[in-house]
């Protein structure tokens, strides 16, 4: 499955209120919640000295991806564009020797 196919499928399952914010309010808050759930599962494995439950992590990452896809959908950009832009940004940073460090505009 490619990102375009995923984004189309995710959109077909989206049921939430569209507000004056352009529809990003609900998926942005959902993203924060799902990232919290993902981190909580990882934290508990460290606390309890257990192995990661890969199926749990896969499920949480899928939920994170869904919300990222919906935010992108609501603002009119494709997941493919996001992925390509991100890789180009990281490639540029690596080539310039600034992949580590601070700041968005490195």
PDB file of N, CA and C in Angstrom:
ATOM      1  N   UNK A   1       0.848  -1.173   0.000  1.00  0.00           N
ATOM      2  CA  UNK A   1       0.000   0.000   0.000  1.00  0.00           C
ATOM      3  C   UNK A   1       0.898   1.241   0.000  1.00  0.00           C
ATOM      4  N   UNK A   2       0.585   2.198  -0.859  1.00  0.00           N
ATOM      5  CA  UNK A   2       1.348   3.439  -0.856  1.00  0.00           C
ATOM      6  C   UNK A   2       0.601   4.501  -0.035  1.00  0.00           C
ATOM      7  N   UNK A   3       1.254   5.637   0.156  1.00  0.00           N
ATOM      8  CA  UNK A   3       0.665   6.677   0.993  1.00  0.00           C
ATOM      9  C   UNK A   3      -0.651   7.230   0.430  1.00  0.00           C
ATOM     10  N   UNK A   4      -0.733   7.373  -0.878  1.00  0.00           N
ATOM     11  CA  UNK A   4      -1.963   7.895  -1.484  1.00  0.00           C
ATOM     12  C   UNK A   4      -3.133   6.961  -1.206  1.00  0.00           C
ATOM     13  N   UNK A   5      -2.880   5.674  -1.356  1.00  0.00           N
ATOM     14  CA  UNK A   5      -3.907   4.677  -1.092  1.00  0.00           C
ATOM     15  C   UNK A   5      -4.299   4.697   0.388  1.00  0.00           C
ATOM     16  N   UNK A   6      -3.294   4.799   1.253  1.00  0.00           N
ATOM     17  CA  UNK A   6      -3.575   4.854   2.688  1.00  0.00           C
ATOM     18  C   UNK A   6      -4.400   6.084   3.035  1.00  0.00           C
ATOM     19  N   UNK A   7      -4.002   7.233   2.526  1.00  0.00           N
ATOM     20  CA  UNK A   7      -4.698   8.473   2.855  1.00  0.00           C
ATOM     21  C   UNK A   7      -6.151   8.422   2.391  1.00  0.00           C
ATOM     22  N   UNK A   8      -6.382   7.864   1.230  1.00  0.00           N
ATOM     23  CA  UNK A   8      -7.751   7.722   0.727  1.00  0.00           C
ATOM     24  C   UNK A   8      -8.558   6.785   1.628  1.00  0.00           C
ATOM     25  N   UNK A   9      -7.955   5.665   2.021  1.00  0.00           N
ATOM     26  CA  UNK A   9      -8.634   4.721   2.908  1.00  0.00           C
ATOM     27  C   UNK A   9      -8.903   5.309   4.279  1.00  0.00           C
ATOM     28  N   UNK A  10      -7.929   6.038   4.810  1.00  0.00           N
ATOM     29  CA  UNK A  10      -8.105   6.673   6.120  1.00  0.00           C
ATOM     30  C   UNK A  10      -9.245   7.683   6.066  1.00  0.00           C
ATOM     31  N   UNK A  11      -9.274   8.483   5.010  1.00  0.00           N
ATOM     32  CA  UNK A  11     -10.333   9.483   4.869  1.00  0.00           C
ATOM     33  C   UNK A  11     -11.710   8.829   4.859  1.00  0.00           C
ATOM     34  N   UNK A  12     -11.801   7.655   4.249  1.00  0.00           N
ATOM     35  CA  UNK A  12     -13.101   6.980   4.150  1.00  0.00           C
ATOM     36  C   UNK A  12     -13.619   6.512   5.510  1.00  0.00           C
ATOM     37  N   UNK A  13     -12.742   6.450   6.501  1.00  0.00           N
ATOM     38  CA  UNK A  13     -13.166   6.021   7.843  1.00  0.00           C
ATOM     39  C   UNK A  13     -13.283   7.182   8.825  1.00  0.00           C
ATOM     40  N   UNK A  14     -13.026   8.392   8.357  1.00  0.00           N
ATOM     41  CA  UNK A  14     -13.015   9.559   9.249  1.00  0.00           C
ATOM     42  C   UNK A  14     -14.436  10.017   9.573  1.00  0.00           C
ATOM     43  N   UNK A  15     -14.762   9.971  10.853  1.00  0.00           N
ATOM     44  CA  UNK A  15     -16.050  10.470  11.331  1.00  0.00           C
ATOM     45  C   UNK A  15     -15.772  11.331  12.552  1.00  0.00           C
ATOM     46  N   UNK A  16     -15.781  12.638  12.363  1.00  0.00           N
ATOM     47  CA  UNK A  16     -15.577  13.565  13.467  1.00  0.00           C
ATOM     48  C   UNK A  16     -16.110  14.935  13.069  1.00  0.00           C
ATOM     49  N   UNK A  17     -16.364  15.772  14.054  1.00  0.00           N
ATOM     50  CA  UNK A  17     -16.933  17.090  13.745  1.00  0.00           C
ATOM     51  C   UNK A  17     -15.919  17.995  13.051  1.00  0.00           C
ATOM     52  N   UNK A  18     -16.384  18.707  12.055  1.00  0.00           N
ATOM     53  CA  UNK A  18     -15.561  19.712  11.381  1.00  0.00           C
ATOM     54  C   UNK A  18     -15.935  21.057  11.992  1.00  0.00           C
ATOM     55  N   UNK A  19     -14.951  21.724  12.534  1.00  0.00           N
ATOM     56  CA  UNK A  19     -15.197  22.991  13.201  1.00  0.00           C
ATOM     57  C   UNK A  19     -14.644  24.135  12.354  1.00  0.00           C
ATOM     58  N   UNK A  20     -14.694  25.311  12.901  1.00  0.00           N
ATOM     59  CA  UNK A  20     -14.196  26.482  12.195  1.00  0.00           C
ATOM     60  C   UNK A  20     -12.682  26.461  12.018  1.00  0.00           C
ATOM     61  N   UNK A  21     -12.015  25.524  12.636  1.00  0.00           N
ATOM     62  CA  UNK A  21     -10.555  25.431  12.550  1.00  0.00           C
ATOM     63  C   UNK A  21     -10.089  24.733  11.277  1.00  0.00           C
ATOM     64  N   UNK A  22     -10.989  24.455  10.370  1.00  0.00           N
ATOM     65  CA  UNK A  22     -10.620  23.758   9.147  1.00  0.00           C
ATOM     66  C   UNK A  22     -10.574  22.259   9.311  1.00  0.00           C
ATOM     67  N   UNK A  23     -11.063  21.755  10.434  1.00  0.00           N
ATOM     68  CA  UNK A  23     -11.134  20.320  10.639  1.00  0.00           C
ATOM     69  C   UNK A  23      -9.904  19.691  11.261  1.00  0.00           C
ATOM     70  N   UNK A  24      -8.895  20.480  11.643  1.00  0.00           N
ATOM     71  CA  UNK A  24      -7.677  19.892  12.197  1.00  0.00           C
ATOM     72  C   UNK A  24      -7.722  19.694  13.705  1.00  0.00           C
ATOM     73  N   UNK A  25      -8.654  20.328  14.376  1.00  0.00           N
ATOM     74  CA  UNK A  25      -8.714  20.274  15.840  1.00  0.00           C
ATOM     75  C   UNK A  25      -8.817  18.839  16.357  1.00  0.00           C
ATOM     76  N   UNK A  26      -9.806  18.114  15.878  1.00  0.00           N
ATOM     77  CA  UNK A  26     -10.038  16.743  16.349  1.00  0.00           C
ATOM     78  C   UNK A  26      -8.853  15.822  16.037  1.00  0.00           C
ATOM     79  N   UNK A  27      -8.379  15.763  14.783  1.00  0.00           N
ATOM     80  CA  UNK A  27      -7.263  14.854  14.530  1.00  0.00           C
ATOM     81  C   UNK A  27      -5.959  15.282  15.212  1.00  0.00           C
ATOM     82  N   UNK A  28      -5.748  16.575  15.424  1.00  0.00           N
ATOM     83  CA  UNK A  28      -4.536  17.006  16.127  1.00  0.00           C
ATOM     84  C   UNK A  28      -4.565  16.539  17.575  1.00  0.00           C
ATOM     85  N   UNK A  29      -5.706  16.688  18.232  1.00  0.00           N
ATOM     86  CA  UNK A  29      -5.818  16.203  19.609  1.00  0.00           C
ATOM     87  C   UNK A  29      -5.748  14.686  19.660  1.00  0.00           C
ATOM     88  N   UNK A  30      -6.340  14.025  18.687  1.00  0.00           N
ATOM     89  CA  UNK A  30      -6.258  12.568  18.618  1.00  0.00           C
ATOM     90  C   UNK A  30      -4.831  12.089  18.445  1.00  0.00           C
ATOM     91  N   UNK A  31      -4.055  12.803  17.623  1.00  0.00           N
ATOM     92  CA  UNK A  31      -2.651  12.448  17.426  1.00  0.00           C
ATOM     93  C   UNK A  31      -1.886  12.513  18.749  1.00  0.00           C
ATOM     94  N   UNK A  32      -2.114  13.577  19.498  1.00  0.00           N
ATOM     95  CA  UNK A  32      -1.431  13.710  20.792  1.00  0.00           C
ATOM     96  C   UNK A  32      -1.800  12.550  21.711  1.00  0.00           C
ATOM     97  N   UNK A  33      -3.066  12.186  21.728  1.00  0.00           N
ATOM     98  CA  UNK A  33      -3.507  11.073  22.564  1.00  0.00           C
ATOM     99  C   UNK A  33      -2.881   9.749  22.159  1.00  0.00           C
ATOM    100  N   UNK A  34      -2.814   9.496  20.859  1.00  0.00           N
ATOM    101  CA  UNK A  34      -2.248   8.231  20.378  1.00  0.00           C
ATOM    102  C   UNK A  34      -0.746   8.159  20.604  1.00  0.00           C
ATOM    103  N   UNK A  35      -0.047   9.274  20.442  1.00  0.00           N
ATOM    104  CA  UNK A  35       1.383   9.288  20.744  1.00  0.00           C
ATOM    105  C   UNK A  35       1.584   8.985  22.227  1.00  0.00           C
ATOM    106  N   UNK A  36       0.717   9.560  23.065  1.00  0.00           N
ATOM    107  CA  UNK A  36       0.788   9.267  24.494  1.00  0.00           C
ATOM    108  C   UNK A  36       0.578   7.790  24.777  1.00  0.00           C
ATOM    109  N   UNK A  37      -0.393   7.171  24.111  1.00  0.00           N
ATOM    110  CA  UNK A  37      -0.638   5.737  24.302  1.00  0.00           C
ATOM    111  C   UNK A  37       0.571   4.913  23.862  1.00  0.00           C
ATOM    112  N   UNK A  38       1.166   5.275  22.729  1.00  0.00           N
ATOM    113  CA  UNK A  38       2.357   4.578  22.240  1.00  0.00           C
ATOM    114  C   UNK A  38       3.491   4.679  23.260  1.00  0.00           C
ATOM    115  N   UNK A  39       3.742   5.888  23.723  1.00  0.00           N
ATOM    116  CA  UNK A  39       4.833   6.082  24.680  1.00  0.00           C
ATOM    117  C   UNK A  39       4.557   5.385  26.003  1.00  0.00           C
ATOM    118  N   UNK A  40       3.310   5.361  26.410  1.00  0.00           N
ATOM    119  CA  UNK A  40       2.951   4.684  27.661  1.00  0.00           C
ATOM    120  C   UNK A  40       3.226   3.183  27.573  1.00  0.00           C
ATOM    121  N   UNK A  41       2.915   2.584  26.441  1.00  0.00           N
ATOM    122  CA  UNK A  41       3.201   1.157  26.268  1.00  0.00           C
ATOM    123  C   UNK A  41       4.699   0.892  26.320  1.00  0.00           C
ATOM    124  N   UNK A  42       5.481   1.758  25.667  1.00  0.00           N
ATOM    125  CA  UNK A  42       6.930   1.607  25.692  1.00  0.00           C
ATOM    126  C   UNK A  42       7.462   1.816  27.106  1.00  0.00           C
ATOM    127  N   UNK A  43       6.962   2.820  27.789  1.00  0.00           N
ATOM    128  CA  UNK A  43       7.390   3.111  29.168  1.00  0.00           C
ATOM    129  C   UNK A  43       7.142   1.926  30.084  1.00  0.00           C
ATOM    130  N   UNK A  44       5.961   1.316  29.958  1.00  0.00           N
ATOM    131  CA  UNK A  44       5.616   0.205  30.847  1.00  0.00           C
ATOM    132  C   UNK A  44       6.480  -1.023  30.590  1.00  0.00           C
ATOM    133  N   UNK A  45       6.904  -1.229  29.346  1.00  0.00           N
ATOM    134  CA  UNK A  45       7.795  -2.363  29.092  1.00  0.00           C
ATOM    135  C   UNK A  45       9.144  -2.123  29.758  1.00  0.00           C
ATOM    136  N   UNK A  46       9.617  -0.871  29.735  1.00  0.00           N
ATOM    137  CA  UNK A  46      10.883  -0.542  30.405  1.00  0.00           C
ATOM    138  C   UNK A  46      10.726  -0.687  31.914  1.00  0.00           C
ATOM    139  N   UNK A  47       9.624  -0.191  32.445  1.00  0.00           N
ATOM    140  CA  UNK A  47       9.388  -0.263  33.885  1.00  0.00           C
ATOM    141  C   UNK A  47       9.312  -1.696  34.372  1.00  0.00           C
ATOM    142  N   UNK A  48       8.611  -2.529  33.615  1.00  0.00           N
ATOM    143  CA  UNK A  48       8.369  -3.902  34.038  1.00  0.00           C
ATOM    144  C   UNK A  48       9.447  -4.874  33.563  1.00  0.00           C
ATOM    145  N   UNK A  49      10.424  -4.383  32.804  1.00  0.00           N
ATOM    146  CA  UNK A  49      11.504  -5.239  32.321  1.00  0.00           C
ATOM    147  C   UNK A  49      11.039  -6.293  31.341  1.00  0.00           C
ATOM    148  N   UNK A  50      10.033  -5.964  30.544  1.00  0.00           N
ATOM    149  CA  UNK A  50       9.490  -6.921  29.573  1.00  0.00           C
ATOM    150  C   UNK A  50       9.903  -6.539  28.157  1.00  0.00           C
ATOM    151  N   UNK A  51       9.700  -7.476  27.256  1.00  0.00           N
ATOM    152  CA  UNK A  51       9.919  -7.208  25.838  1.00  0.00           C
ATOM    153  C   UNK A  51       8.758  -6.379  25.301  1.00  0.00           C
ATOM    154  N   UNK A  52       9.047  -5.579  24.280  1.00  0.00           N
ATOM    155  CA  UNK A  52       7.976  -4.832  23.622  1.00  0.00           C
ATOM    156  C   UNK A  52       6.977  -5.795  23.000  1.00  0.00           C
ATOM    157  N   UNK A  53       5.717  -5.490  23.138  1.00  0.00           N
ATOM    158  CA  UNK A  53       4.672  -6.240  22.448  1.00  0.00           C
ATOM    159  C   UNK A  53       4.518  -5.602  21.067  1.00  0.00           C
ATOM    160  N   UNK A  54       5.121  -6.234  20.091  1.00  0.00           N
ATOM    161  CA  UNK A  54       5.174  -5.665  18.744  1.00  0.00           C
ATOM    162  C   UNK A  54       3.787  -5.429  18.174  1.00  0.00           C
ATOM    163  N   UNK A  55       2.843  -6.295  18.444  1.00  0.00           N
ATOM    164  CA  UNK A  55       1.477  -6.103  17.934  1.00  0.00           C
ATOM    165  C   UNK A  55       0.834  -4.866  18.561  1.00  0.00           C
ATOM    166  N   UNK A  56       1.037  -4.648  19.849  1.00  0.00           N
ATOM    167  CA  UNK A  56       0.524  -3.426  20.499  1.00  0.00           C
ATOM    168  C   UNK A  56       1.154  -2.187  19.876  1.00  0.00           C
ATOM    169  N   UNK A  57       2.466  -2.239  19.678  1.00  0.00           N
ATOM    170  CA  UNK A  57       3.178  -1.094  19.097  1.00  0.00           C
ATOM    171  C   UNK A  57       2.701  -0.855  17.667  1.00  0.00           C
ATOM    172  N   UNK A  58       2.542  -1.923  16.904  1.00  0.00           N
ATOM    173  CA  UNK A  58       2.046  -1.787  15.529  1.00  0.00           C
ATOM    174  C   UNK A  58       0.683  -1.114  15.515  1.00  0.00           C
ATOM    175  N   UNK A  59      -0.186  -1.522  16.425  1.00  0.00           N
ATOM    176  CA  UNK A  59      -1.515  -0.919  16.499  1.00  0.00           C
ATOM    177  C   UNK A  59      -1.467   0.561  16.832  1.00  0.00           C
ATOM    178  N   UNK A  60      -0.635   0.921  17.804  1.00  0.00           N
ATOM    179  CA  UNK A  60      -0.527   2.331  18.187  1.00  0.00           C
ATOM    180  C   UNK A  60       0.105   3.159  17.068  1.00  0.00           C
ATOM    181  N   UNK A  61       1.115   2.616  16.408  1.00  0.00           N
ATOM    182  CA  UNK A  61       1.712   3.337  15.281  1.00  0.00           C
ATOM    183  C   UNK A  61       0.703   3.528  14.153  1.00  0.00           C
ATOM    184  N   UNK A  62      -0.139   2.542  13.939  1.00  0.00           N
ATOM    185  CA  UNK A  62      -1.199   2.685  12.943  1.00  0.00           C
ATOM    186  C   UNK A  62      -2.158   3.801  13.299  1.00  0.00           C
ATOM    187  N   UNK A  63      -2.499   3.894  14.588  1.00  0.00           N
ATOM    188  CA  UNK A  63      -3.385   4.978  15.029  1.00  0.00           C
ATOM    189  C   UNK A  63      -2.716   6.339  14.845  1.00  0.00           C
ATOM    190  N   UNK A  64      -1.420   6.414  15.152  1.00  0.00           N
ATOM    191  CA  UNK A  64      -0.668   7.655  14.945  1.00  0.00           C
ATOM    192  C   UNK A  64      -0.688   8.022  13.462  1.00  0.00           C
ATOM    193  N   UNK A  65      -0.429   7.048  12.604  1.00  0.00           N
ATOM    194  CA  UNK A  65      -0.423   7.285  11.160  1.00  0.00           C
ATOM    195  C   UNK A  65      -1.778   7.782  10.678  1.00  0.00           C
ATOM    196  N   UNK A  66      -2.857   7.209  11.207  1.00  0.00           N
ATOM    197  CA  UNK A  66      -4.198   7.627  10.805  1.00  0.00           C
ATOM    198  C   UNK A  66      -4.423   9.101  11.113  1.00  0.00           C
ATOM    199  N   UNK A  67      -4.056   9.516  12.304  1.00  0.00           N
ATOM    200  CA  UNK A  67      -4.257  10.910  12.674  1.00  0.00           C
ATOM    201  C   UNK A  67      -3.358  11.850  11.871  1.00  0.00           C
ATOM    202  N   UNK A  68      -2.117  11.458  11.612  1.00  0.00           N
ATOM    203  CA  UNK A  68      -1.246  12.275  10.760  1.00  0.00           C
ATOM    204  C   UNK A  68      -1.874  12.416   9.375  1.00  0.00           C
ATOM    205  N   UNK A  69      -2.387  11.318   8.852  1.00  0.00           N
ATOM    206  CA  UNK A  69      -3.026  11.331   7.547  1.00  0.00           C
ATOM    207  C   UNK A  69      -4.230  12.270   7.527  1.00  0.00           C
ATOM    208  N   UNK A  70      -5.009  12.259   8.579  1.00  0.00           N
ATOM    209  CA  UNK A  70      -6.197  13.120   8.624  1.00  0.00           C
ATOM    210  C   UNK A  70      -5.835  14.594   8.744  1.00  0.00           C
ATOM    211  N   UNK A  71      -4.809  14.911   9.515  1.00  0.00           N
ATOM    212  CA  UNK A  71      -4.370  16.309   9.581  1.00  0.00           C
ATOM    213  C   UNK A  71      -3.924  16.758   8.188  1.00  0.00           C
ATOM    214  N   UNK A  72      -3.141  15.925   7.518  1.00  0.00           N
ATOM    215  CA  UNK A  72      -2.697  16.247   6.163  1.00  0.00           C
ATOM    216  C   UNK A  72      -3.889  16.428   5.232  1.00  0.00           C
ATOM    217  N   UNK A  73      -4.842  15.537   5.324  1.00  0.00           N
ATOM    218  CA  UNK A  73      -6.046  15.616   4.488  1.00  0.00           C
ATOM    219  C   UNK A  73      -6.789  16.926   4.720  1.00  0.00           C
ATOM    220  N   UNK A  74      -6.941  17.291   5.972  1.00  0.00           N
ATOM    221  CA  UNK A  74      -7.698  18.503   6.314  1.00  0.00           C
ATOM    222  C   UNK A  74      -7.030  19.780   5.809  1.00  0.00           C
ATOM    223  N   UNK A  75      -5.698  19.769   5.710  1.00  0.00           N
ATOM    224  CA  UNK A  75      -5.023  20.977   5.221  1.00  0.00           C
ATOM    225  C   UNK A  75      -4.629  20.880   3.749  1.00  0.00           C
ATOM    226  N   UNK A  76      -5.002  19.765   3.124  1.00  0.00           N
ATOM    227  CA  UNK A  76      -4.846  19.645   1.684  1.00  0.00           C
ATOM    228  C   UNK A  76      -3.460  19.279   1.183  1.00  0.00           C
ATOM    229  N   UNK A  77      -2.719  18.500   1.971  1.00  0.00           N
ATOM    230  CA  UNK A  77      -1.434  18.014   1.475  1.00  0.00           C
ATOM    231  C   UNK A  77      -1.408  16.490   1.529  1.00  0.00           C
ATOM    232  N   UNK A  78      -0.640  15.925   0.644  1.00  0.00           N
ATOM    233  CA  UNK A  78      -0.603  14.464   0.572  1.00  0.00           C
ATOM    234  C   UNK A  78       0.459  13.900   1.503  1.00  0.00           C
ATOM    235  N   UNK A  79       0.214  12.682   1.931  1.00  0.00           N
ATOM    236  CA  UNK A  79       1.201  11.978   2.745  1.00  0.00           C
ATOM    237  C   UNK A  79       2.481  11.776   1.929  1.00  0.00           C
ATOM    238  N   UNK A  80       2.345  11.546   0.622  1.00  0.00           N
ATOM    239  CA  UNK A  80       3.522  11.387  -0.229  1.00  0.00           C
ATOM    240  C   UNK A  80       4.370  12.652  -0.223  1.00  0.00           C
ATOM    241  N   UNK A  81       3.710  13.815  -0.267  1.00  0.00           N
ATOM    242  CA  UNK A  81       4.422  15.083  -0.221  1.00  0.00           C
ATOM    243  C   UNK A  81       5.142  15.243   1.115  1.00  0.00           C
ATOM    244  N   UNK A  82       4.463  14.906   2.204  1.00  0.00           N
ATOM    245  CA  UNK A  82       5.071  14.996   3.530  1.00  0.00           C
ATOM    246  C   UNK A  82       6.310  14.098   3.609  1.00  0.00           C
ATOM    247  N   UNK A  83       6.168  12.861   3.150  1.00  0.00           N
ATOM    248  CA  UNK A  83       7.278  11.905   3.209  1.00  0.00           C
ATOM    249  C   UNK A  83       8.451  12.377   2.360  1.00  0.00           C
ATOM    250  N   UNK A  84       8.181  12.822   1.144  1.00  0.00           N
ATOM    251  CA  UNK A  84       9.249  13.282   0.250  1.00  0.00           C
ATOM    252  C   UNK A  84       9.952  14.508   0.829  1.00  0.00           C
ATOM    253  N   UNK A  85       9.178  15.440   1.353  1.00  0.00           N
ATOM    254  CA  UNK A  85       9.744  16.660   1.939  1.00  0.00           C
ATOM    255  C   UNK A  85      10.628  16.310   3.138  1.00  0.00           C
ATOM    256  N   UNK A  86      10.170  15.382   3.965  1.00  0.00           N
ATOM    257  CA  UNK A  86      10.926  14.995   5.146  1.00  0.00           C
ATOM    258  C   UNK A  86      12.252  14.344   4.777  1.00  0.00           C
ATOM    259  N   UNK A  87      12.227  13.431   3.818  1.00  0.00           N
ATOM    260  CA  UNK A  87      13.457  12.757   3.398  1.00  0.00           C
ATOM    261  C   UNK A  87      14.438  13.751   2.792  1.00  0.00           C
ATOM    262  N   UNK A  88      13.935  14.667   1.982  1.00  0.00           N
ATOM    263  CA  UNK A  88      14.810  15.679   1.382  1.00  0.00           C
ATOM    264  C   UNK A  88      15.434  16.563   2.460  1.00  0.00           C
ATOM    265  N   UNK A  89      14.645  16.959   3.455  1.00  0.00           N
ATOM    266  CA  UNK A  89      15.160  17.775   4.563  1.00  0.00           C
ATOM    267  C   UNK A  89      16.269  17.035   5.296  1.00  0.00           C
ATOM    268  N   UNK A  90      16.029  15.770   5.620  1.00  0.00           N
ATOM    269  CA  UNK A  90      17.027  14.985   6.353  1.00  0.00           C
ATOM    270  C   UNK A  90      18.266  14.717   5.507  1.00  0.00           C
ATOM    271  N   UNK A  91      18.083  14.449   4.222  1.00  0.00           N
ATOM    272  CA  UNK A  91      19.217  14.228   3.321  1.00  0.00           C
ATOM    273  C   UNK A  91      20.084  15.487   3.253  1.00  0.00           C
ATOM    274  N   UNK A  92      19.441  16.637   3.150  1.00  0.00           N
ATOM    275  CA  UNK A  92      20.164  17.902   3.101  1.00  0.00           C
ATOM    276  C   UNK A  92      20.949  18.139   4.390  1.00  0.00           C
ATOM    277  N   UNK A  93      20.315  17.872   5.516  1.00  0.00           N
ATOM    278  CA  UNK A  93      21.009  18.042   6.794  1.00  0.00           C
ATOM    279  C   UNK A  93      22.222  17.128   6.898  1.00  0.00           C
ATOM    280  N   UNK A  94      22.054  15.880   6.456  1.00  0.00           N
ATOM    281  CA  UNK A  94      23.167  14.933   6.518  1.00  0.00           C
ATOM    282  C   UNK A  94      24.310  15.397   5.625  1.00  0.00           C
ATOM    283  N   UNK A  95      23.990  15.834   4.404  1.00  0.00           N
ATOM    284  CA  UNK A  95      25.013  16.292   3.469  1.00  0.00           C
ATOM    285  C   UNK A  95      25.745  17.516   4.003  1.00  0.00           C
ATOM    286  N   UNK A  96      25.052  18.383   4.723  1.00  0.00           N
ATOM    287  CA  UNK A  96      25.655  19.594   5.284  1.00  0.00           C
ATOM    288  C   UNK A  96      26.270  19.365   6.661  1.00  0.00           C
ATOM    289  N   UNK A  97      26.159  18.135   7.177  1.00  0.00           N
ATOM    290  CA  UNK A  97      26.752  17.803   8.465  1.00  0.00           C
ATOM    291  C   UNK A  97      26.014  18.395   9.652  1.00  0.00           C
ATOM    292  N   UNK A  98      24.696  18.635   9.489  1.00  0.00           N
ATOM    293  CA  UNK A  98      23.922  19.229  10.592  1.00  0.00           C
ATOM    294  C   UNK A  98      22.722  18.357  10.971  1.00  0.00           C
ATOM    295  N   UNK A  99      22.847  17.051  10.734  1.00  0.00           N
ATOM    296  CA  UNK A  99      21.718  16.177  11.053  1.00  0.00           C
ATOM    297  C   UNK A  99      21.500  16.090  12.557  1.00  0.00           C
ATOM    298  N   UNK A 100      22.562  16.260  13.334  1.00  0.00           N
ATOM    299  CA  UNK A 100      22.380  16.340  14.783  1.00  0.00           C
ATOM    300  C   UNK A 100      22.422  17.810  15.162  1.00  0.00           C
ATOM    301  N   UNK A 101      21.924  18.097  16.329  1.00  0.00           N
ATOM    302  CA  UNK A 101      21.883  19.487  16.772  1.00  0.00           C
ATOM    303  C   UNK A 101      20.462  19.939  16.994  1.00  0.00           C
ATOM    304  N   UNK A 102      20.285  21.220  17.125  1.00  0.00           N
ATOM    305  CA  UNK A 102      18.973  21.783  17.427  1.00  0.00           C
ATOM    306  C   UNK A 102      18.503  22.716  16.336  1.00  0.00           C
ATOM    307  N   UNK A 103      17.193  22.885  16.276  1.00  0.00           N
ATOM    308  CA  UNK A 103      16.614  23.876  15.380  1.00  0.00           C
ATOM    309  C   UNK A 103      16.000  23.269  14.147  1.00  0.00           C
ATOM    310  N   UNK A 104      14.841  23.773  13.781  1.00  0.00           N
ATOM    311  CA  UNK A 104      14.143  23.294  12.601  1.00  0.00           C
ATOM    312  C   UNK A 104      14.799  23.743  11.312  1.00  0.00           C
ATOM    313  N   UNK A 105      15.453  24.881  11.321  1.00  0.00           N
ATOM    314  CA  UNK A 105      15.997  25.469  10.089  1.00  0.00           C
ATOM    315  C   UNK A 105      17.493  25.232   9.934  1.00  0.00           C
ATOM    316  N   UNK A 106      17.956  24.034  10.298  1.00  0.00           N
ATOM    317  CA  UNK A 106      19.394  23.723  10.184  1.00  0.00           C
ATOM    318  C   UNK A 106      19.801  23.553   8.750  1.00  0.00           C
TER     319      UNK A 106
END
